Amino acid sequence: MELKVLAKRGAVKAALVIGLLSGLLSSVAHAATIDTEARQAILMDADTGTVLFAKNADQHMPTSSMSKVMTMYMVFDRLKNGKLSLEDSLPVSRRAWELGGAKTEGSTMYLPLGANVKVEDLIRGVLVQSGNDATIVLAEGLGGTEEAFCRNMTKRAHDMGMKDSNFTNAAGLPDANHYSTAHDLAILAIHTIHDFPEYYHYFSELEFTYNKIKQGNRNPLLYRNMGVDGLKTGHTEAGGYGLIASAKRGDRRLVLVINGLTSMQSRADEPARILEWGFHEFDDYALFKAGETVDTLPVSLGTADTVPVVVPDALKITLTAEQRRAMKVAVVTQLPLAAPVAKGATVATLKVTAPDLQTLEIPLQAANDVPRLGLFGRMGAGLHRMIFGS
């Protein structure tokens, strides 16, 4: 790996070797290739946001029960801010009872009409049993009506960056105006994992019994020894078989969204194959901690001759081994910096390049203040340059 600082002022250039670097969220790595029979798919690194593979990832698609993850995001948010408790009970309305399985086909928790059900049981009914009835009960309990809940759900999704999503019902029942994308659902999965670690364990529970009826989790990858701990399956005639999957190995976590598969067996095998590929072909490289000094740059007419420059946030990049070896990093700025320099001011840019990688540009900030010299100090510095040169 080559690492240089390039400092420019007019025709003057300087180069200094300074150390190692990482990357930035939402980069795209395409050095390795894979394909899938799915209609839509995306594989992302959950920590760096790097897209490792994508196929029709921004295409609108039916989400089926995968959209229940968005419903659960709203529930977990209400639990976290104290406006809802796991011990609270919510009533089973006739609408929830009928749409949730009593008069329609689909996955159900088998909730009795008029029952009051604990929130924690409803969560397990949604995530383990994929119960449409449990999902509607939660939506009505939190939103007053399912329609109002879905308006709030769509707004929250847009606020998270899920700009190509619209939710008209909480359970993912077929509706032409209910859609999302593989990319949006991957964003949702990453937010859910990062925002609610205290509730994430519900996604990996293998079975749940309610009303003396035991049902197993529909996520086939939970039963394989491959590090998968969530999130949700889905199926409709229009959308095909789909899955939001997340797997963790060591410090790495990958998130996969796949949809449009033709059978339950392909939903078990195809995601497993893509996840294995992602873990094998790529790795994360964490090279700077938040606030760590990248270099020390010269300052003109300041009370100090130099100022350290730092990265504001921890930097990590996801690359193949070949990309890592060929990675180049440059710190680009005008030198010397002119005093005064304010702490926290962006004074340089860190540029990262590698084969088949979108160029990353990370701002570098001054680590401390460097005030401008007083009049006599500036006169002395000018005299020094006249005698000795710059």
Protein backbone atom coordinates (compact mmCIF):
# COMPACT_ATOMS: atom_id res chain seq x y z
CA MET A 1 0.00 0.00 0.00
CA GLU A 2 1.25 3.47 -0.91
CA LEU A 3 0.46 6.36 1.43
CA LYS A 4 1.47 9.96 0.72
CA VAL A 5 0.74 13.51 1.77
CA LEU A 6 0.66 15.90 -1.17
CA ALA A 7 0.98 19.57 -0.17
CA LYS A 8 0.58 22.19 -2.88
CA ARG A 9 1.23 25.91 -3.11
CA GLY A 10 1.64 27.13 -6.63
CA ALA A 11 4.20 24.83 -8.26
CA VAL A 12 5.64 23.67 -4.93
CA LYS A 13 4.92 20.05 -3.99
CA ALA A 14 5.98 17.98 -0.99
CA ALA A 15 5.44 14.30 -0.19
CA LEU A 16 5.60 12.64 3.23
CA VAL A 17 4.87 9.07 4.25
CA ILE A 18 2.45 9.27 7.19
CA GLY A 19 0.80 5.95 8.09
CA LEU A 20 -2.32 3.92 7.36
CA LEU A 21 -5.92 4.72 6.48
CA SER A 22 -9.43 3.31 6.38
CA GLY A 23 -12.58 4.23 4.52
CA LEU A 24 -15.96 5.89 4.57
CA LEU A 25 -19.62 4.84 4.74
CA SER A 26 -21.49 4.00 1.56
CA SER A 27 -18.48 3.18 -0.58
CA VAL A 28 -18.91 0.59 -3.31
CA ALA A 29 -16.52 -2.30 -3.86
CA HIS A 30 -16.81 -4.33 -7.07
CA ALA A 31 -13.45 -6.06 -7.29
CA ALA A 32 -15.04 -9.49 -6.84
CA THR A 33 -18.13 -10.70 -8.69
CA ILE A 34 -21.04 -13.05 -8.11
CA ASP A 35 -24.50 -13.48 -9.60
CA THR A 36 -27.84 -14.73 -8.34
CA GLU A 37 -31.11 -16.06 -9.69
CA ALA A 38 -32.99 -13.61 -7.48
CA ARG A 39 -34.76 -10.67 -9.09
CA GLN A 40 -33.41 -8.20 -6.51
CA ALA A 41 -30.49 -8.48 -4.11
CA ILE A 42 -27.95 -6.45 -2.16
CA LEU A 43 -25.10 -7.44 0.16
CA MET A 44 -23.69 -4.77 2.47
CA ASP A 45 -21.10 -4.52 5.21
CA ALA A 46 -23.05 -3.36 8.25
CA ASP A 47 -20.21 -1.33 9.78
CA THR A 48 -18.78 0.49 6.77
CA GLY A 49 -21.94 0.60 4.63
CA THR A 50 -19.96 -0.76 1.68
CA VAL A 51 -22.05 -2.42 -1.00
CA LEU A 52 -20.35 -5.71 -1.87
CA PHE A 53 -22.91 -6.89 -4.41
CA ALA A 54 -26.10 -5.48 -5.90
CA LYS A 55 -28.67 -6.59 -8.45
CA ASN A 56 -31.65 -4.34 -9.16
CA ALA A 57 -31.15 -3.06 -5.62
CA ASP A 58 -33.10 0.18 -6.18
CA GLN A 59 -35.98 -1.42 -8.05
CA HIS A 60 -39.40 -1.14 -6.41
CA MET A 61 -40.60 -4.55 -5.24
CA PRO A 62 -43.29 -6.13 -3.05
CA THR A 63 -41.82 -6.61 0.40
CA SER A 64 -44.28 -9.17 1.82
CA SER A 65 -43.48 -9.99 5.46
CA MET A 66 -40.02 -8.42 5.25
CA SER A 67 -41.74 -5.07 5.82
CA LYS A 68 -42.61 -6.31 9.34
CA VAL A 69 -39.05 -5.33 10.26
CA MET A 70 -40.11 -1.70 9.75
CA THR A 71 -43.14 -2.30 11.96
CA MET A 72 -40.86 -3.73 14.64
CA TYR A 73 -38.51 -0.75 14.31
CA MET A 74 -41.41 1.47 15.31
CA VAL A 75 -42.27 -0.82 18.23
CA PHE A 76 -38.66 -0.96 19.47
CA ASP A 77 -38.37 2.81 19.23
CA ARG A 78 -41.47 3.21 21.40
CA LEU A 79 -40.05 0.72 23.92
CA LYS A 80 -36.69 2.49 24.03
CA ASN A 81 -38.15 5.94 24.67
CA GLY A 82 -40.35 4.58 27.46
CA LYS A 83 -43.73 5.13 25.80
CA LEU A 84 -44.39 1.38 25.68
CA SER A 85 -43.52 -1.54 27.94
CA LEU A 86 -42.98 -5.22 27.23
CA GLU A 87 -45.56 -5.93 29.93
CA ASP A 88 -48.25 -3.72 28.39
CA SER A 89 -51.23 -5.51 26.84
CA LEU A 90 -53.00 -4.63 23.60
CA PRO A 91 -56.46 -5.77 22.46
CA VAL A 92 -57.14 -8.00 19.44
CA SER A 93 -59.64 -6.12 17.29
CA ARG A 94 -62.01 -7.83 14.88
CA ARG A 95 -60.05 -6.35 11.98
CA ALA A 96 -56.76 -7.74 13.29
CA TRP A 97 -58.41 -11.10 13.92
CA GLU A 98 -59.95 -11.31 10.46
CA LEU A 99 -57.04 -9.94 8.38
CA GLY A 100 -54.54 -11.79 10.54
CA GLY A 101 -55.70 -15.24 9.55
CA ALA A 102 -59.23 -15.92 10.71
CA LYS A 103 -60.75 -15.12 7.31
CA THR A 104 -57.66 -14.89 5.09
CA GLU A 105 -54.75 -17.13 4.24
CA GLY A 106 -51.38 -16.17 5.64
CA SER A 107 -49.13 -16.60 8.62
CA THR A 108 -50.83 -16.11 11.97
CA MET A 109 -50.21 -16.18 15.70
CA TYR A 110 -53.73 -17.57 16.23
CA LEU A 111 -54.80 -14.71 18.48
CA PRO A 112 -58.31 -15.04 19.94
CA LEU A 113 -60.77 -12.29 19.09
CA GLY A 114 -61.03 -9.76 21.94
CA ALA A 115 -57.99 -11.08 23.83
CA ASN A 116 -55.53 -8.73 25.53
CA VAL A 117 -52.00 -9.81 24.62
CA LYS A 118 -48.68 -8.76 26.14
CA VAL A 119 -46.44 -6.67 23.89
CA GLU A 120 -43.54 -9.10 24.34
CA ASP A 121 -45.72 -11.99 23.18
CA LEU A 122 -46.81 -9.94 20.18
CA ILE A 123 -43.17 -9.21 19.30
CA ARG A 124 -42.40 -12.92 19.30
CA GLY A 125 -45.60 -13.55 17.37
CA VAL A 126 -44.36 -11.21 14.64
CA LEU A 127 -40.68 -12.15 14.50
CA VAL A 128 -40.83 -15.88 15.19
CA GLN A 129 -44.27 -16.82 13.88
CA SER A 130 -44.61 -13.99 11.32
CA GLY A 131 -48.15 -13.44 12.56
CA ASN A 132 -50.14 -10.95 10.51
CA ASP A 133 -52.63 -10.70 13.36
CA ALA A 134 -49.91 -9.78 15.89
CA THR A 135 -48.52 -7.17 13.50
CA ILE A 136 -51.90 -5.49 13.04
CA VAL A 137 -52.56 -5.49 16.80
CA LEU A 138 -49.26 -3.67 17.37
CA ALA A 139 -49.97 -1.19 14.58
CA GLU A 140 -53.42 -0.37 15.91
CA GLY A 141 -52.13 -0.16 19.46
CA LEU A 142 -49.36 2.29 18.58
CA GLY A 143 -51.09 4.30 15.86
CA GLY A 144 -54.74 4.23 16.81
CA THR A 145 -55.46 2.85 13.36
CA GLU A 146 -53.26 0.80 11.06
CA GLU A 147 -53.52 3.54 8.42
CA ALA A 148 -52.19 6.21 10.80
CA PHE A 149 -49.44 3.86 11.97
CA CYS A 150 -48.35 3.23 8.38
CA ARG A 151 -48.20 6.96 7.61
CA ASN A 152 -45.86 7.38 10.57
CA MET A 153 -43.92 4.30 9.51
CA THR A 154 -43.37 5.63 6.00
CA LYS A 155 -42.26 9.02 7.31
CA ARG A 156 -39.79 7.39 9.69
CA ALA A 157 -38.46 5.23 6.86
CA HIS A 158 -37.87 8.31 4.72
CA ASP A 159 -36.11 10.02 7.62
CA MET A 160 -33.71 7.04 7.79
CA GLY A 161 -32.87 7.38 4.11
CA MET A 162 -35.35 4.81 2.78
CA LYS A 163 -36.52 7.17 0.05
CA ASP A 164 -37.96 4.46 -2.22
CA SER A 165 -40.31 2.88 0.32
CA ASN A 166 -44.02 3.29 0.97
CA PHE A 167 -45.98 1.28 3.52
CA THR A 168 -49.77 1.01 3.33
CA ASN A 169 -50.15 -1.84 5.82
CA ALA A 170 -48.10 -3.15 8.72
CA ALA A 171 -47.87 -6.83 7.73
CA GLY A 172 -46.76 -6.55 4.11
CA LEU A 173 -50.04 -7.80 2.64
CA PRO A 174 -50.26 -7.40 -1.17
CA ASP A 175 -50.97 -3.83 -2.26
CA ALA A 176 -49.71 -2.05 -5.37
CA ASN A 177 -48.86 1.03 -3.30
CA HIS A 178 -46.95 -0.96 -0.67
CA TYR A 179 -43.32 -1.33 -1.81
CA SER A 180 -39.69 -0.92 -0.95
CA THR A 181 -36.30 -1.81 -2.45
CA ALA A 182 -33.55 -4.23 -1.50
CA HIS A 183 -31.30 -1.25 -0.75
CA ASP A 184 -33.88 0.40 1.51
CA LEU A 185 -34.50 -2.82 3.43
CA ALA A 186 -30.74 -3.22 3.95
CA ILE A 187 -30.63 0.30 5.39
CA LEU A 188 -33.53 -0.67 7.67
CA ALA A 189 -31.76 -3.84 8.83
CA ILE A 190 -28.55 -1.98 9.67
CA HIS A 191 -30.46 0.70 11.58
CA THR A 192 -32.41 -1.93 13.51
CA ILE A 193 -29.24 -3.77 14.53
CA HIS A 194 -27.37 -0.63 15.53
CA ASP A 195 -30.26 1.28 17.14
CA PHE A 196 -31.81 -1.50 19.22
CA PRO A 197 -29.18 -4.02 20.35
CA GLU A 198 -31.22 -4.70 23.49
CA TYR A 199 -34.15 -6.02 21.40
CA TYR A 200 -32.32 -7.57 18.47
CA HIS A 201 -32.23 -11.02 20.10
CA TYR A 202 -35.91 -11.56 19.29
CA PHE A 203 -35.00 -12.00 15.61
CA SER A 204 -32.95 -15.13 16.35
CA GLU A 205 -35.40 -17.02 18.58
CA LEU A 206 -36.08 -20.38 16.96
CA GLU A 207 -39.58 -21.10 18.27
CA PHE A 208 -42.47 -19.61 20.21
CA THR A 209 -45.59 -21.16 21.68
CA TYR A 210 -48.80 -19.17 22.09
CA ASN A 211 -52.28 -20.48 22.82
CA LYS A 212 -50.71 -23.98 23.04
CA ILE A 213 -49.57 -23.72 19.40
CA LYS A 214 -45.82 -23.94 18.83
CA GLN A 215 -44.34 -22.48 15.66
CA GLY A 216 -40.75 -22.31 14.46
CA ASN A 217 -38.91 -19.34 13.03
CA ARG A 218 -39.24 -19.25 9.25
CA ASN A 219 -35.68 -18.00 8.66
CA PRO A 220 -33.87 -21.10 7.31
CA LEU A 221 -30.39 -19.69 7.92
CA LEU A 222 -30.91 -19.60 11.69
CA TYR A 223 -30.69 -23.38 11.67
CA ARG A 224 -27.32 -23.43 9.91
CA ASN A 225 -24.07 -22.89 11.76
CA MET A 226 -23.02 -19.80 9.81
CA GLY A 227 -23.41 -16.86 12.19
CA VAL A 228 -26.87 -15.73 11.03
CA ASP A 229 -28.93 -14.10 13.79
CA GLY A 230 -31.81 -12.45 11.89
CA LEU A 231 -33.88 -10.95 10.40
CA LYS A 232 -37.05 -11.85 8.44
CA THR A 233 -38.47 -13.90 5.60
CA GLY A 234 -41.25 -12.96 3.22
CA HIS A 235 -43.33 -14.45 0.44
CA THR A 236 -46.12 -13.36 -1.88
CA GLU A 237 -47.08 -14.53 -5.36
CA ALA A 238 -46.03 -11.19 -6.84
CA GLY A 239 -42.79 -10.81 -4.90
CA GLY A 240 -41.62 -14.41 -4.76
CA TYR A 241 -39.59 -15.72 -1.84
CA GLY A 242 -37.45 -13.17 -0.01
CA LEU A 243 -35.21 -12.82 3.02
CA ILE A 244 -33.47 -10.12 5.04
CA ALA A 245 -30.48 -11.88 6.60
CA SER A 246 -27.70 -10.70 8.88
CA ALA A 247 -24.64 -12.72 9.86
CA LYS A 248 -21.79 -11.91 12.22
CA ARG A 249 -18.36 -13.52 12.27
CA GLY A 250 -15.80 -12.09 14.63
CA ASP A 251 -16.07 -8.30 14.39
CA ARG A 252 -17.65 -8.36 10.93
CA ARG A 253 -21.35 -8.23 10.17
CA LEU A 254 -22.92 -8.54 6.72
CA VAL A 255 -26.51 -7.76 5.78
CA LEU A 256 -28.18 -9.38 2.78
CA VAL A 257 -31.56 -8.61 1.24
CA ILE A 258 -32.76 -10.95 -1.48
CA ASN A 259 -36.15 -11.24 -3.18
CA GLY A 260 -37.87 -12.82 -6.15
CA LEU A 261 -36.64 -16.37 -5.55
CA THR A 262 -38.79 -19.23 -6.82
CA SER A 263 -38.91 -21.63 -3.87
CA MET A 264 -38.33 -22.04 -0.15
CA GLN A 265 -35.30 -24.18 -0.94
CA SER A 266 -33.69 -21.48 -3.07
CA ARG A 267 -34.42 -19.00 -0.24
CA ALA A 268 -32.38 -21.26 2.04
CA ASP A 269 -29.49 -21.96 -0.34
CA GLU A 270 -28.98 -18.76 -2.32
CA PRO A 271 -28.57 -16.38 0.66
CA ALA A 272 -26.17 -18.82 2.32
CA ARG A 273 -24.02 -18.93 -0.81
CA ILE A 274 -23.89 -15.14 -1.17
CA LEU A 275 -23.06 -14.56 2.52
CA GLU A 276 -20.23 -17.11 2.37
CA TRP A 277 -18.86 -15.33 -0.69
CA GLY A 278 -19.00 -11.96 1.07
CA PHE A 279 -17.12 -13.19 4.13
CA HIS A 280 -14.52 -14.99 2.01
CA GLU A 281 -13.81 -12.28 -0.57
CA PHE A 282 -13.83 -9.14 1.59
CA ASP A 283 -12.48 -7.94 4.92
CA ASP A 284 -12.72 -4.80 7.04
CA TYR A 285 -9.64 -2.68 7.71
CA ALA A 286 -9.91 -0.33 10.68
CA LEU A 287 -6.99 2.06 10.52
CA PHE A 288 -7.85 5.26 12.38
CA LYS A 289 -9.73 5.82 15.61
CA ALA A 290 -11.95 8.85 16.02
CA GLY A 291 -9.77 11.89 16.75
CA GLU A 292 -6.53 10.10 15.89
CA THR A 293 -3.76 12.24 14.36
CA VAL A 294 -3.13 11.61 10.67
CA ASP A 295 -0.28 14.07 10.18
CA THR A 296 1.22 17.35 11.39
CA LEU A 297 1.04 20.22 8.89
CA PRO A 298 3.12 23.43 8.82
CA VAL A 299 1.47 26.74 9.74
CA SER A 300 2.54 30.16 8.47
CA LEU A 301 2.67 33.17 10.85
CA GLY A 302 1.17 31.22 13.74
CA THR A 303 2.10 31.02 17.40
CA ALA A 304 3.01 27.39 16.63
CA ASP A 305 4.89 26.22 13.55
CA THR A 306 2.67 23.18 13.02
CA VAL A 307 -0.79 21.80 13.80
CA PRO A 308 -1.87 18.14 14.04
CA VAL A 309 -4.74 17.11 11.78
CA VAL A 310 -7.18 14.41 12.84
CA VAL A 311 -10.03 12.32 11.48
CA PRO A 312 -13.32 13.33 13.15
CA ASP A 313 -14.76 9.80 13.11
CA ALA A 314 -13.38 6.28 13.23
CA LEU A 315 -12.43 5.18 9.74
CA LYS A 316 -12.87 1.70 8.34
CA ILE A 317 -12.91 0.36 4.80
CA THR A 318 -14.09 -2.90 3.28
CA LEU A 319 -11.84 -4.30 0.57
CA THR A 320 -10.62 -7.46 -1.07
CA ALA A 321 -7.05 -8.48 -0.30
CA GLU A 322 -5.99 -7.33 -3.77
CA GLN A 323 -7.57 -3.93 -3.29
CA ARG A 324 -5.93 -3.56 0.11
CA ARG A 325 -2.48 -4.13 -1.35
CA ALA A 326 -3.07 -1.56 -4.10
CA MET A 327 -4.76 1.08 -1.94
CA LYS A 328 -3.34 4.61 -2.13
CA VAL A 329 -4.01 7.42 0.30
CA ALA A 330 -3.19 11.11 -0.11
CA VAL A 331 -3.65 14.07 2.21
CA VAL A 332 -4.30 17.07 0.00
CA THR A 333 -4.13 20.68 1.20
CA GLN A 334 -2.51 24.06 0.57
CA LEU A 335 0.76 24.40 2.50
CA PRO A 336 1.65 26.04 4.66
CA LEU A 337 -1.65 26.65 6.42
CA ALA A 338 -2.23 30.32 7.15
CA ALA A 339 -2.79 31.32 10.77
CA PRO A 340 -5.12 31.69 12.53
CA VAL A 341 -6.22 28.06 12.48
CA ALA A 342 -9.32 27.15 14.51
CA LYS A 343 -9.65 23.83 16.31
CA GLY A 344 -12.13 21.63 14.45
CA ALA A 345 -11.78 23.54 11.18
CA THR A 346 -11.44 21.41 8.06
CA VAL A 347 -7.94 22.10 6.78
CA ALA A 348 -7.22 19.12 4.51
CA THR A 349 -8.80 16.20 2.69
CA LEU A 350 -7.85 12.56 2.90
CA LYS A 351 -8.32 10.81 -0.46
CA VAL A 352 -8.45 7.02 -0.73
CA THR A 353 -8.25 5.13 -4.00
CA ALA A 354 -8.08 1.44 -4.87
CA PRO A 355 -8.87 -0.58 -8.00
CA ASP A 356 -12.63 -0.84 -8.62
CA LEU A 357 -13.35 1.33 -5.59
CA GLN A 358 -15.20 4.63 -5.64
CA THR A 359 -12.77 7.35 -4.52
CA LEU A 360 -13.31 8.27 -0.88
CA GLU A 361 -12.75 11.79 0.43
CA ILE A 362 -12.59 12.32 4.19
CA PRO A 363 -12.26 15.79 5.78
CA LEU A 364 -9.34 16.32 8.17
CA GLN A 365 -9.68 18.76 11.04
CA ALA A 366 -7.22 20.83 13.01
CA ALA A 367 -6.63 19.27 16.42
CA ASN A 368 -6.12 22.60 18.22
CA ASP A 369 -6.12 26.37 17.79
CA VAL A 370 -3.11 28.13 16.31
CA PRO A 371 -3.51 31.92 16.82
CA ARG A 372 -1.89 34.39 14.43
CA LEU A 373 1.37 35.99 15.51
CA GLY A 374 1.30 39.60 16.70
CA LEU A 375 2.79 42.43 14.67
CA PHE A 376 6.36 42.03 15.93
CA GLY A 377 6.16 38.27 15.55
CA ARG A 378 5.10 38.62 11.92
CA MET A 379 7.90 41.13 11.31
CA GLY A 380 10.39 38.68 12.79
CA ALA A 381 9.07 35.86 10.62
CA GLY A 382 9.34 38.04 7.54
CA LEU A 383 12.90 38.97 8.39
CA HIS A 384 13.75 35.30 8.90
CA ARG A 385 12.44 34.47 5.42
CA MET A 386 14.44 37.33 3.88
CA ILE A 387 17.65 36.06 5.45
CA PHE A 388 17.24 32.30 5.34
CA GLY A 389 14.49 31.74 2.76
CA SER A 390 11.22 29.90 3.30
